[in-house]
């Protein structure tokens, strides 16, 4: 289920890395009303954004803004470990007012040199209702088709997702999310996943809770499939840390990870590092090449248990 539902989240790491302002807090409300808790798949986002994304080989990304609503990018990745590829990305925003919002209404499409396609559409049908559609292919085979509808009330969010419906094979995946703001800092809710196929049928219930203050957020998901806990803390304008714990009843494995992010605005640099219980240590350095519209990315990850080293170099232009 994780590979299917992961596509429902917006594109990762869209935050501008050199901002010195603290992220907007949905708990800073002075009108006496409870805030909307946001989407279920965004509960752990604050913590995950602190961790570095693995980079390997050489990667070059060229971004071009054709208008305030239309953007394209070209990505070339050369690797000695995984297959090299070229990827074309196109993005259309419904309104320029949402240009810095991860949940902005948009049409996004990606196609790589192998013929695989990833299409993502997020529309705001009304002020409170959002619709999301995801299609993904691997070469000529459909692997994911997903439809989601989300309703955001004043202090709650409810969503229903239908993934990979197949009438001929009599299979479907249904997912229901619900989050409720209990107080200005406490959010409670849950996720119900129902899967039906010719050979099996079942459901998994996961309960979720999040408690937040202006400088930190603690989140816990627990259910039959396992547990996922995270803690995010913003120490100051330059330093953020995150701790994540994941346990799976299916694989009988647990992982604890520690990550941090350090911003150096004077040097136009951001460094993200991590270490986990699997003896993996890694870090990614991002350097904005002022006055050029480019960012240099350098990263290295070491797996001491598997005796493996990954080194990557990338440049993002535009």
C-alpha atoms as a PDB file:
ATOM      1  CA  UNK A   1       0.000   0.000   0.000  1.00  0.00           C
ATOM      2  CA  UNK A   2       2.848   2.412   0.706  1.00  0.00           C
ATOM      3  CA  UNK A   3       3.982   2.585  -2.943  1.00  0.00           C
ATOM      4  CA  UNK A   4       0.468   3.372  -4.131  1.00  0.00           C
ATOM      5  CA  UNK A   5      -0.528   5.934  -1.549  1.00  0.00           C
ATOM      6  CA  UNK A   6       2.841   7.656  -1.609  1.00  0.00           C
ATOM      7  CA  UNK A   7       1.881   9.078  -4.973  1.00  0.00           C
ATOM      8  CA  UNK A   8      -0.929  11.037  -3.382  1.00  0.00           C
ATOM      9  CA  UNK A   9       1.520  13.394  -1.744  1.00  0.00           C
ATOM     10  CA  UNK A  10       2.763  16.436  -3.564  1.00  0.00           C
ATOM     11  CA  UNK A  11       6.184  16.585  -5.187  1.00  0.00           C
ATOM     12  CA  UNK A  12       8.895  16.366  -2.543  1.00  0.00           C
ATOM     13  CA  UNK A  13      11.296  19.080  -1.341  1.00  0.00           C
ATOM     14  CA  UNK A  14       9.688  22.061  -3.006  1.00  0.00           C
ATOM     15  CA  UNK A  15      10.696  24.418  -0.170  1.00  0.00           C
ATOM     16  CA  UNK A  16      13.233  27.063  -1.162  1.00  0.00           C
ATOM     17  CA  UNK A  17      16.270  25.898   0.858  1.00  0.00           C
ATOM     18  CA  UNK A  18      17.706  29.317   1.637  1.00  0.00           C
ATOM     19  CA  UNK A  19      14.742  30.929   3.369  1.00  0.00           C
ATOM     20  CA  UNK A  20      15.572  32.261   6.833  1.00  0.00           C
ATOM     21  CA  UNK A  21      11.972  32.750   7.844  1.00  0.00           C
ATOM     22  CA  UNK A  22      10.336  30.041   9.963  1.00  0.00           C
ATOM     23  CA  UNK A  23       7.744  27.945   8.145  1.00  0.00           C
ATOM     24  CA  UNK A  24       4.167  29.191   8.417  1.00  0.00           C
ATOM     25  CA  UNK A  25       2.421  27.674  11.413  1.00  0.00           C
ATOM     26  CA  UNK A  26      -1.189  26.595  11.157  1.00  0.00           C
ATOM     27  CA  UNK A  27      -1.391  26.699  14.970  1.00  0.00           C
ATOM     28  CA  UNK A  28      -0.906  30.452  15.216  1.00  0.00           C
ATOM     29  CA  UNK A  29      -4.574  31.408  15.374  1.00  0.00           C
ATOM     30  CA  UNK A  30      -5.815  34.393  17.353  1.00  0.00           C
ATOM     31  CA  UNK A  31      -9.486  34.377  16.424  1.00  0.00           C
ATOM     32  CA  UNK A  32     -10.398  31.686  18.971  1.00  0.00           C
ATOM     33  CA  UNK A  33     -11.359  29.047  16.386  1.00  0.00           C
ATOM     34  CA  UNK A  34      -9.634  25.695  15.940  1.00  0.00           C
ATOM     35  CA  UNK A  35      -7.442  25.445  12.818  1.00  0.00           C
ATOM     36  CA  UNK A  36      -7.832  22.979   9.972  1.00  0.00           C
ATOM     37  CA  UNK A  37      -5.464  20.016  10.582  1.00  0.00           C
ATOM     38  CA  UNK A  38      -4.377  19.711   6.936  1.00  0.00           C
ATOM     39  CA  UNK A  39      -3.991  16.490   4.958  1.00  0.00           C
ATOM     40  CA  UNK A  40      -3.299  13.075   6.479  1.00  0.00           C
ATOM     41  CA  UNK A  41      -0.314  12.402   4.231  1.00  0.00           C
ATOM     42  CA  UNK A  42       1.304  15.660   5.434  1.00  0.00           C
ATOM     43  CA  UNK A  43       1.437  14.723   9.130  1.00  0.00           C
ATOM     44  CA  UNK A  44       5.152  13.818   9.043  1.00  0.00           C
ATOM     45  CA  UNK A  45       6.153  16.376   6.387  1.00  0.00           C
ATOM     46  CA  UNK A  46       7.920  18.801   8.760  1.00  0.00           C
ATOM     47  CA  UNK A  47      10.233  16.049   9.981  1.00  0.00           C
ATOM     48  CA  UNK A  48      10.850  14.475   6.569  1.00  0.00           C
ATOM     49  CA  UNK A  49      11.856  17.793   4.982  1.00  0.00           C
ATOM     50  CA  UNK A  50      14.818  17.958   7.374  1.00  0.00           C
ATOM     51  CA  UNK A  51      16.370  14.731   6.049  1.00  0.00           C
ATOM     52  CA  UNK A  52      18.609  14.801   2.953  1.00  0.00           C
ATOM     53  CA  UNK A  53      17.476  13.133  -0.249  1.00  0.00           C
ATOM     54  CA  UNK A  54      19.909  10.514  -1.486  1.00  0.00           C
ATOM     55  CA  UNK A  55      21.897  11.546  -4.532  1.00  0.00           C
ATOM     56  CA  UNK A  56      24.120   9.267  -6.614  1.00  0.00           C
ATOM     57  CA  UNK A  57      26.040   9.804  -9.821  1.00  0.00           C
ATOM     58  CA  UNK A  58      25.815  13.041 -11.775  1.00  0.00           C
ATOM     59  CA  UNK A  59      22.550  14.898 -12.187  1.00  0.00           C
ATOM     60  CA  UNK A  60      21.718  18.105 -14.031  1.00  0.00           C
ATOM     61  CA  UNK A  61      18.336  19.870 -13.907  1.00  0.00           C
ATOM     62  CA  UNK A  62      17.446  22.770 -16.176  1.00  0.00           C
ATOM     63  CA  UNK A  63      14.318  24.723 -15.222  1.00  0.00           C
ATOM     64  CA  UNK A  64      12.548  27.166 -17.536  1.00  0.00           C
ATOM     65  CA  UNK A  65       9.637  29.396 -16.556  1.00  0.00           C
ATOM     66  CA  UNK A  66       7.594  30.111 -19.660  1.00  0.00           C
ATOM     67  CA  UNK A  67       4.984  32.181 -17.820  1.00  0.00           C
ATOM     68  CA  UNK A  68       3.676  32.758 -14.305  1.00  0.00           C
ATOM     69  CA  UNK A  69       1.510  29.643 -14.759  1.00  0.00           C
ATOM     70  CA  UNK A  70       3.629  27.357 -16.952  1.00  0.00           C
ATOM     71  CA  UNK A  71       7.006  25.780 -16.134  1.00  0.00           C
ATOM     72  CA  UNK A  72       9.120  23.052 -17.729  1.00  0.00           C
ATOM     73  CA  UNK A  73      12.308  21.283 -16.672  1.00  0.00           C
ATOM     74  CA  UNK A  74      14.802  18.838 -18.136  1.00  0.00           C
ATOM     75  CA  UNK A  75      16.720  16.366 -15.956  1.00  0.00           C
ATOM     76  CA  UNK A  76      19.682  14.221 -17.000  1.00  0.00           C
ATOM     77  CA  UNK A  77      20.979  11.576 -14.587  1.00  0.00           C
ATOM     78  CA  UNK A  78      24.156   9.575 -15.230  1.00  0.00           C
ATOM     79  CA  UNK A  79      24.831   6.683 -12.875  1.00  0.00           C
ATOM     80  CA  UNK A  80      27.076   3.635 -12.654  1.00  0.00           C
ATOM     81  CA  UNK A  81      24.755   1.899 -10.152  1.00  0.00           C
ATOM     82  CA  UNK A  82      21.252   2.446 -11.547  1.00  0.00           C
ATOM     83  CA  UNK A  83      20.144   2.994 -15.180  1.00  0.00           C
ATOM     84  CA  UNK A  84      20.836   6.473 -16.519  1.00  0.00           C
ATOM     85  CA  UNK A  85      17.843   8.438 -17.771  1.00  0.00           C
ATOM     86  CA  UNK A  86      16.540  11.685 -19.193  1.00  0.00           C
ATOM     87  CA  UNK A  87      13.310  13.094 -17.738  1.00  0.00           C
ATOM     88  CA  UNK A  88      11.037  15.844 -19.029  1.00  0.00           C
ATOM     89  CA  UNK A  89       8.832  17.615 -16.501  1.00  0.00           C
ATOM     90  CA  UNK A  90       6.011  20.056 -17.205  1.00  0.00           C
ATOM     91  CA  UNK A  91       3.910  21.919 -14.635  1.00  0.00           C
ATOM     92  CA  UNK A  92       0.880  24.169 -15.022  1.00  0.00           C
ATOM     93  CA  UNK A  93      -0.394  26.167 -12.061  1.00  0.00           C
ATOM     94  CA  UNK A  94      -4.041  27.138 -11.939  1.00  0.00           C
ATOM     95  CA  UNK A  95      -3.210  30.472 -10.322  1.00  0.00           C
ATOM     96  CA  UNK A  96      -0.045  32.412  -9.620  1.00  0.00           C
ATOM     97  CA  UNK A  97      -1.317  33.018  -6.077  1.00  0.00           C
ATOM     98  CA  UNK A  98      -0.416  29.384  -5.261  1.00  0.00           C
ATOM     99  CA  UNK A  99       3.103  29.427  -6.736  1.00  0.00           C
ATOM    100  CA  UNK A 100       4.747  28.664  -3.353  1.00  0.00           C
ATOM    101  CA  UNK A 101       2.044  26.318  -1.998  1.00  0.00           C
ATOM    102  CA  UNK A 102       2.740  22.578  -2.069  1.00  0.00           C
ATOM    103  CA  UNK A 103      -0.966  21.857  -2.252  1.00  0.00           C
ATOM    104  CA  UNK A 104      -1.595  24.370  -5.011  1.00  0.00           C
ATOM    105  CA  UNK A 105      -3.967  23.407  -7.823  1.00  0.00           C
ATOM    106  CA  UNK A 106      -1.742  22.159 -10.638  1.00  0.00           C
ATOM    107  CA  UNK A 107      -1.327  19.808 -13.567  1.00  0.00           C
ATOM    108  CA  UNK A 108       2.015  18.000 -13.506  1.00  0.00           C
ATOM    109  CA  UNK A 109       3.444  15.508 -15.975  1.00  0.00           C
ATOM    110  CA  UNK A 110       6.753  13.649 -16.215  1.00  0.00           C
ATOM    111  CA  UNK A 111       8.107  11.294 -18.875  1.00  0.00           C
ATOM    112  CA  UNK A 112      11.528   9.677 -18.944  1.00  0.00           C
ATOM    113  CA  UNK A 113      13.664   8.122 -21.650  1.00  0.00           C
ATOM    114  CA  UNK A 114      12.249   4.627 -21.005  1.00  0.00           C
ATOM    115  CA  UNK A 115       8.720   5.787 -21.853  1.00  0.00           C
ATOM    116  CA  UNK A 116       7.444   5.752 -18.261  1.00  0.00           C
ATOM    117  CA  UNK A 117       4.876   8.430 -17.451  1.00  0.00           C
ATOM    118  CA  UNK A 118       3.817  10.030 -14.180  1.00  0.00           C
ATOM    119  CA  UNK A 119       0.822  12.390 -14.360  1.00  0.00           C
ATOM    120  CA  UNK A 120      -0.531  14.265 -11.348  1.00  0.00           C
ATOM    121  CA  UNK A 121      -3.513  16.618 -11.174  1.00  0.00           C
ATOM    122  CA  UNK A 122      -4.719  18.598  -8.163  1.00  0.00           C
ATOM    123  CA  UNK A 123      -7.813  20.744  -8.550  1.00  0.00           C
ATOM    124  CA  UNK A 124      -9.731  22.924  -6.096  1.00  0.00           C
ATOM    125  CA  UNK A 125     -13.347  22.213  -7.026  1.00  0.00           C
ATOM    126  CA  UNK A 126     -14.607  24.596  -4.345  1.00  0.00           C
ATOM    127  CA  UNK A 127     -13.032  26.471  -1.464  1.00  0.00           C
ATOM    128  CA  UNK A 128     -13.293  23.333   0.680  1.00  0.00           C
ATOM    129  CA  UNK A 129     -13.248  20.432  -1.807  1.00  0.00           C
ATOM    130  CA  UNK A 130     -10.083  19.243  -3.521  1.00  0.00           C
ATOM    131  CA  UNK A 131      -9.718  16.496  -6.109  1.00  0.00           C
ATOM    132  CA  UNK A 132      -6.484  14.670  -6.883  1.00  0.00           C
ATOM    133  CA  UNK A 133      -5.731  12.205  -9.687  1.00  0.00           C
ATOM    134  CA  UNK A 134      -2.551  10.206 -10.278  1.00  0.00           C
ATOM    135  CA  UNK A 135      -1.618   8.013 -13.238  1.00  0.00           C
ATOM    136  CA  UNK A 136       1.674   6.156 -13.474  1.00  0.00           C
ATOM    137  CA  UNK A 137       3.031   3.821 -16.134  1.00  0.00           C
ATOM    138  CA  UNK A 138       6.207   1.794 -16.472  1.00  0.00           C
ATOM    139  CA  UNK A 139       6.966   1.729 -20.174  1.00  0.00           C
ATOM    140  CA  UNK A 140       3.691   0.472 -21.701  1.00  0.00           C
ATOM    141  CA  UNK A 141       2.147  -0.962 -18.518  1.00  0.00           C
ATOM    142  CA  UNK A 142      -0.211   0.918 -16.200  1.00  0.00           C
ATOM    143  CA  UNK A 143       0.942   0.448 -12.606  1.00  0.00           C
ATOM    144  CA  UNK A 144      -1.111   3.062 -10.728  1.00  0.00           C
ATOM    145  CA  UNK A 145      -4.334   4.952 -11.273  1.00  0.00           C
ATOM    146  CA  UNK A 146      -5.611   6.753  -8.245  1.00  0.00           C
ATOM    147  CA  UNK A 147      -8.482   9.138  -7.477  1.00  0.00           C
ATOM    148  CA  UNK A 148      -8.854  11.153  -4.282  1.00  0.00           C
ATOM    149  CA  UNK A 149     -11.431  13.603  -2.980  1.00  0.00           C
ATOM    150  CA  UNK A 150     -10.744  15.699   0.088  1.00  0.00           C
ATOM    151  CA  UNK A 151     -13.042  17.957   2.100  1.00  0.00           C
ATOM    152  CA  UNK A 152     -11.556  20.525   4.473  1.00  0.00           C
ATOM    153  CA  UNK A 153     -13.867  21.862   7.149  1.00  0.00           C
ATOM    154  CA  UNK A 154     -13.112  24.586   9.655  1.00  0.00           C
ATOM    155  CA  UNK A 155     -11.448  22.172  12.083  1.00  0.00           C
ATOM    156  CA  UNK A 156     -11.384  18.783  10.310  1.00  0.00           C
ATOM    157  CA  UNK A 157     -10.316  17.089   7.082  1.00  0.00           C
ATOM    158  CA  UNK A 158     -11.956  14.032   5.490  1.00  0.00           C
ATOM    159  CA  UNK A 159     -10.691  12.250   2.374  1.00  0.00           C
ATOM    160  CA  UNK A 160     -11.524   9.149   0.335  1.00  0.00           C
ATOM    161  CA  UNK A 161      -9.125   7.527  -2.144  1.00  0.00           C
ATOM    162  CA  UNK A 162      -9.780   4.844  -4.757  1.00  0.00           C
ATOM    163  CA  UNK A 163      -6.611   3.182  -6.062  1.00  0.00           C
ATOM    164  CA  UNK A 164      -6.120   0.706  -8.910  1.00  0.00           C
ATOM    165  CA  UNK A 165      -9.780  -0.276  -9.474  1.00  0.00           C
ATOM    166  CA  UNK A 166      -9.994  -3.250 -11.848  1.00  0.00           C
ATOM    167  CA  UNK A 167     -13.411  -4.665 -12.740  1.00  0.00           C
ATOM    168  CA  UNK A 168     -12.034  -7.649 -14.662  1.00  0.00           C
ATOM    169  CA  UNK A 169      -9.795  -8.794 -11.819  1.00  0.00           C
ATOM    170  CA  UNK A 170     -12.357  -7.765  -9.196  1.00  0.00           C
ATOM    171  CA  UNK A 171      -9.766  -5.822  -7.217  1.00  0.00           C
ATOM    172  CA  UNK A 172      -9.708  -2.374  -5.660  1.00  0.00           C
ATOM    173  CA  UNK A 173      -8.026  -0.430  -2.863  1.00  0.00           C
ATOM    174  CA  UNK A 174     -10.115   2.016  -0.813  1.00  0.00           C
ATOM    175  CA  UNK A 175      -8.587   4.419   1.673  1.00  0.00           C
ATOM    176  CA  UNK A 176     -10.435   6.739   4.070  1.00  0.00           C
ATOM    177  CA  UNK A 177      -8.711   9.500   6.073  1.00  0.00           C
ATOM    178  CA  UNK A 178     -10.063  11.685   8.837  1.00  0.00           C
ATOM    179  CA  UNK A 179      -8.331  14.314  10.992  1.00  0.00           C
ATOM    180  CA  UNK A 180      -9.923  16.446  13.716  1.00  0.00           C
ATOM    181  CA  UNK A 181      -8.407  19.384  15.582  1.00  0.00           C
ATOM    182  CA  UNK A 182      -9.176  18.761  19.248  1.00  0.00           C
ATOM    183  CA  UNK A 183      -7.352  21.857  20.474  1.00  0.00           C
ATOM    184  CA  UNK A 184      -5.062  24.500  19.017  1.00  0.00           C
ATOM    185  CA  UNK A 185      -2.132  22.065  19.226  1.00  0.00           C
ATOM    186  CA  UNK A 186      -3.691  18.591  19.257  1.00  0.00           C
ATOM    187  CA  UNK A 187      -4.889  16.705  16.173  1.00  0.00           C
ATOM    188  CA  UNK A 188      -6.430  13.208  16.266  1.00  0.00           C
ATOM    189  CA  UNK A 189      -7.594  10.989  13.444  1.00  0.00           C
ATOM    190  CA  UNK A 190      -7.125   7.757  11.588  1.00  0.00           C
ATOM    191  CA  UNK A 191      -6.760   5.902   8.323  1.00  0.00           C
ATOM    192  CA  UNK A 192      -8.743   2.891   7.117  1.00  0.00           C
ATOM    193  CA  UNK A 193      -7.331   0.882   4.207  1.00  0.00           C
ATOM    194  CA  UNK A 194      -9.507  -1.747   2.534  1.00  0.00           C
ATOM    195  CA  UNK A 195      -8.137  -4.072  -0.121  1.00  0.00           C
ATOM    196  CA  UNK A 196     -10.099  -6.579  -2.155  1.00  0.00           C
ATOM    197  CA  UNK A 197      -8.827  -9.045  -4.736  1.00  0.00           C
ATOM    198  CA  UNK A 198      -9.660 -12.480  -6.045  1.00  0.00           C
ATOM    199  CA  UNK A 199      -7.296 -14.188  -3.626  1.00  0.00           C
ATOM    200  CA  UNK A 200      -7.535 -11.960  -0.572  1.00  0.00           C
ATOM    201  CA  UNK A 201      -9.588  -9.344   1.183  1.00  0.00           C
ATOM    202  CA  UNK A 202      -8.876  -7.328   4.284  1.00  0.00           C
ATOM    203  CA  UNK A 203      -8.543  -4.014   5.988  1.00  0.00           C
ATOM    204  CA  UNK A 204      -6.050  -2.157   8.167  1.00  0.00           C
ATOM    205  CA  UNK A 205      -6.923   0.563  10.672  1.00  0.00           C
ATOM    206  CA  UNK A 206      -4.281   3.081  11.695  1.00  0.00           C
ATOM    207  CA  UNK A 207      -4.776   5.712  14.379  1.00  0.00           C
ATOM    208  CA  UNK A 208      -2.909   9.011  14.244  1.00  0.00           C
ATOM    209  CA  UNK A 209      -2.163  11.834  16.622  1.00  0.00           C
ATOM    210  CA  UNK A 210      -0.130  15.014  16.442  1.00  0.00           C
ATOM    211  CA  UNK A 211       0.760  17.537  19.100  1.00  0.00           C
ATOM    212  CA  UNK A 212       2.458  20.740  18.107  1.00  0.00           C
ATOM    213  CA  UNK A 213       3.852  23.909  19.539  1.00  0.00           C
ATOM    214  CA  UNK A 214       5.307  26.902  17.654  1.00  0.00           C
ATOM    215  CA  UNK A 215       8.806  25.377  17.533  1.00  0.00           C
ATOM    216  CA  UNK A 216       8.192  21.621  17.559  1.00  0.00           C
ATOM    217  CA  UNK A 217       5.842  18.915  16.291  1.00  0.00           C
ATOM    218  CA  UNK A 218       5.382  15.338  17.580  1.00  0.00           C
ATOM    219  CA  UNK A 219       3.434  12.850  15.446  1.00  0.00           C
ATOM    220  CA  UNK A 220       2.471   9.197  15.903  1.00  0.00           C
ATOM    221  CA  UNK A 221       0.747   6.695  13.605  1.00  0.00           C
ATOM    222  CA  UNK A 222       0.042   3.240  15.039  1.00  0.00           C
ATOM    223  CA  UNK A 223      -1.955   0.277  13.806  1.00  0.00           C
ATOM    224  CA  UNK A 224      -1.930  -3.365  12.838  1.00  0.00           C
ATOM    225  CA  UNK A 225       0.665  -2.743  10.125  1.00  0.00           C
ATOM    226  CA  UNK A 226       3.156  -1.078  12.469  1.00  0.00           C
ATOM    227  CA  UNK A 227       4.020   2.290  13.914  1.00  0.00           C
ATOM    228  CA  UNK A 228       5.526   5.529  12.638  1.00  0.00           C
ATOM    229  CA  UNK A 229       6.611   8.250  15.036  1.00  0.00           C
ATOM    230  CA  UNK A 230       8.421  11.502  14.306  1.00  0.00           C
ATOM    231  CA  UNK A 231       9.606  14.566  16.191  1.00  0.00           C
ATOM    232  CA  UNK A 232      10.532  17.861  14.558  1.00  0.00           C
ATOM    233  CA  UNK A 233      12.182  20.758  16.372  1.00  0.00           C
ATOM    234  CA  UNK A 234      13.266  24.151  15.073  1.00  0.00           C
ATOM    235  CA  UNK A 235      16.057  25.280  17.377  1.00  0.00           C
ATOM    236  CA  UNK A 236      16.512  28.658  15.688  1.00  0.00           C
ATOM    237  CA  UNK A 237      16.370  30.238  12.240  1.00  0.00           C
ATOM    238  CA  UNK A 238      19.417  28.263  11.090  1.00  0.00           C
ATOM    239  CA  UNK A 239      19.052  24.823  12.711  1.00  0.00           C
ATOM    240  CA  UNK A 240      16.259  22.252  12.476  1.00  0.00           C
ATOM    241  CA  UNK A 241      16.343  18.658  13.682  1.00  0.00           C
ATOM    242  CA  UNK A 242      14.124  15.624  13.190  1.00  0.00           C
ATOM    243  CA  UNK A 243      13.898  12.150  14.731  1.00  0.00           C
ATOM    244  CA  UNK A 244      11.927   9.358  13.080  1.00  0.00           C
ATOM    245  CA  UNK A 245      11.002   5.845  14.233  1.00  0.00           C
ATOM    246  CA  UNK A 246       9.403   3.248  11.966  1.00  0.00           C
ATOM    247  CA  UNK A 247       8.339  -0.295  12.839  1.00  0.00           C
ATOM    248  CA  UNK A 248       6.718  -2.816  10.482  1.00  0.00           C
ATOM    249  CA  UNK A 249       4.858  -5.920  11.623  1.00  0.00           C
ATOM    250  CA  UNK A 250       5.119  -7.393   8.115  1.00  0.00           C
ATOM    251  CA  UNK A 251       8.920  -7.251   7.801  1.00  0.00           C
ATOM    252  CA  UNK A 252       9.568  -7.425  11.562  1.00  0.00           C
ATOM    253  CA  UNK A 253      12.031  -4.546  11.238  1.00  0.00           C
ATOM    254  CA  UNK A 254      12.464  -1.259  13.050  1.00  0.00           C
ATOM    255  CA  UNK A 255      14.449   1.802  12.023  1.00  0.00           C
ATOM    256  CA  UNK A 256      15.379   4.908  13.975  1.00  0.00           C
ATOM    257  CA  UNK A 257      16.719   7.923  12.091  1.00  0.00           C
ATOM    258  CA  UNK A 258      18.129  11.278  13.145  1.00  0.00           C
ATOM    259  CA  UNK A 259      18.372  14.177  10.722  1.00  0.00           C
ATOM    260  CA  UNK A 260      19.261  17.836  10.871  1.00  0.00           C
ATOM    261  CA  UNK A 261      19.305  20.863   8.623  1.00  0.00           C
ATOM    262  CA  UNK A 262      21.668  23.809   8.961  1.00  0.00           C
ATOM    263  CA  UNK A 263      21.153  27.009   6.973  1.00  0.00           C
ATOM    264  CA  UNK A 264      23.931  29.534   6.391  1.00  0.00           C
ATOM    265  CA  UNK A 265      22.216  32.507   4.706  1.00  0.00           C
ATOM    266  CA  UNK A 266      25.403  34.595   4.544  1.00  0.00           C
ATOM    267  CA  UNK A 267      27.110  31.854   2.525  1.00  0.00           C
ATOM    268  CA  UNK A 268      23.963  30.885   0.564  1.00  0.00           C
ATOM    269  CA  UNK A 269      24.376  27.314   1.794  1.00  0.00           C
ATOM    270  CA  UNK A 270      22.167  24.617   3.294  1.00  0.00           C
ATOM    271  CA  UNK A 271      23.453  21.337   4.745  1.00  0.00           C
ATOM    272  CA  UNK A 272      21.272  18.342   5.581  1.00  0.00           C
ATOM    273  CA  UNK A 273      22.651  15.305   7.389  1.00  0.00           C
ATOM    274  CA  UNK A 274      21.309  12.038   8.736  1.00  0.00           C
ATOM    275  CA  UNK A 275      22.245   8.842  10.568  1.00  0.00           C
ATOM    276  CA  UNK A 276      20.061   5.810  11.268  1.00  0.00           C
ATOM    277  CA  UNK A 277      20.092   2.516  13.129  1.00  0.00           C
ATOM    278  CA  UNK A 278      21.025   0.653   9.931  1.00  0.00           C
ATOM    279  CA  UNK A 279      24.465   2.266  10.124  1.00  0.00           C
ATOM    280  CA  UNK A 280      23.779   4.603   7.222  1.00  0.00           C
ATOM    281  CA  UNK A 281      25.326   8.070   7.430  1.00  0.00           C
ATOM    282  CA  UNK A 282      24.782  10.708   4.780  1.00  0.00           C
ATOM    283  CA  UNK A 283      24.766  14.378   4.010  1.00  0.00           C
ATOM    284  CA  UNK A 284      23.832  16.755   1.198  1.00  0.00           C
ATOM    285  CA  UNK A 285      25.236  20.266   0.730  1.00  0.00           C
ATOM    286  CA  UNK A 286      23.341  22.814  -1.380  1.00  0.00           C
ATOM    287  CA  UNK A 287      25.166  25.959  -2.475  1.00  0.00           C
ATOM    288  CA  UNK A 288      23.477  28.738  -4.404  1.00  0.00           C
ATOM    289  CA  UNK A 289      25.908  30.096  -6.990  1.00  0.00           C
ATOM    290  CA  UNK A 290      25.084  33.791  -6.726  1.00  0.00           C
ATOM    291  CA  UNK A 291      24.621  35.766  -8.973  1.00  0.00           C
ATOM    292  CA  UNK A 292      23.941  32.842 -11.301  1.00  0.00           C
ATOM    293  CA  UNK A 293      20.448  31.270 -11.166  1.00  0.00           C
ATOM    294  CA  UNK A 294      21.955  27.919 -10.211  1.00  0.00           C
ATOM    295  CA  UNK A 295      22.343  25.675  -7.168  1.00  0.00           C
ATOM    296  CA  UNK A 296      25.206  23.210  -6.739  1.00  0.00           C
ATOM    297  CA  UNK A 297      24.340  19.989  -4.889  1.00  0.00           C
ATOM    298  CA  UNK A 298      26.924  17.594  -3.442  1.00  0.00           C
ATOM    299  CA  UNK A 299      26.084  14.505  -1.423  1.00  0.00           C
ATOM    300  CA  UNK A 300      27.565  11.337   0.035  1.00  0.00           C
ATOM    301  CA  UNK A 301      25.981   8.355   1.824  1.00  0.00           C
ATOM    302  CA  UNK A 302      27.884   5.539   3.559  1.00  0.00           C
ATOM    303  CA  UNK A 303      26.357   2.197   4.528  1.00  0.00           C
ATOM    304  CA  UNK A 304      28.811   0.835   7.092  1.00  0.00           C
ATOM    305  CA  UNK A 305      26.920  -2.410   7.544  1.00  0.00           C
ATOM    306  CA  UNK A 306      26.792  -3.132   3.803  1.00  0.00           C
ATOM    307  CA  UNK A 307      30.192  -1.548   3.106  1.00  0.00           C
ATOM    308  CA  UNK A 308      28.742   0.671   0.366  1.00  0.00           C
ATOM    309  CA  UNK A 309      29.412   4.267  -0.627  1.00  0.00           C
ATOM    310  CA  UNK A 310      27.238   6.548  -2.722  1.00  0.00           C
ATOM    311  CA  UNK A 311      28.568   9.862  -3.973  1.00  0.00           C
ATOM    312  CA  UNK A 312      26.593  12.325  -6.046  1.00  0.00           C
ATOM    313  CA  UNK A 313      26.984  15.675  -7.720  1.00  0.00           C
ATOM    314  CA  UNK A 314      24.190  17.750  -9.176  1.00  0.00           C
ATOM    315  CA  UNK A 315      23.388  21.212 -10.460  1.00  0.00           C
ATOM    316  CA  UNK A 316      19.977  22.846 -10.606  1.00  0.00           C
ATOM    317  CA  UNK A 317      19.721  25.743 -13.064  1.00  0.00           C
ATOM    318  CA  UNK A 318      16.799  28.131 -13.208  1.00  0.00           C
END
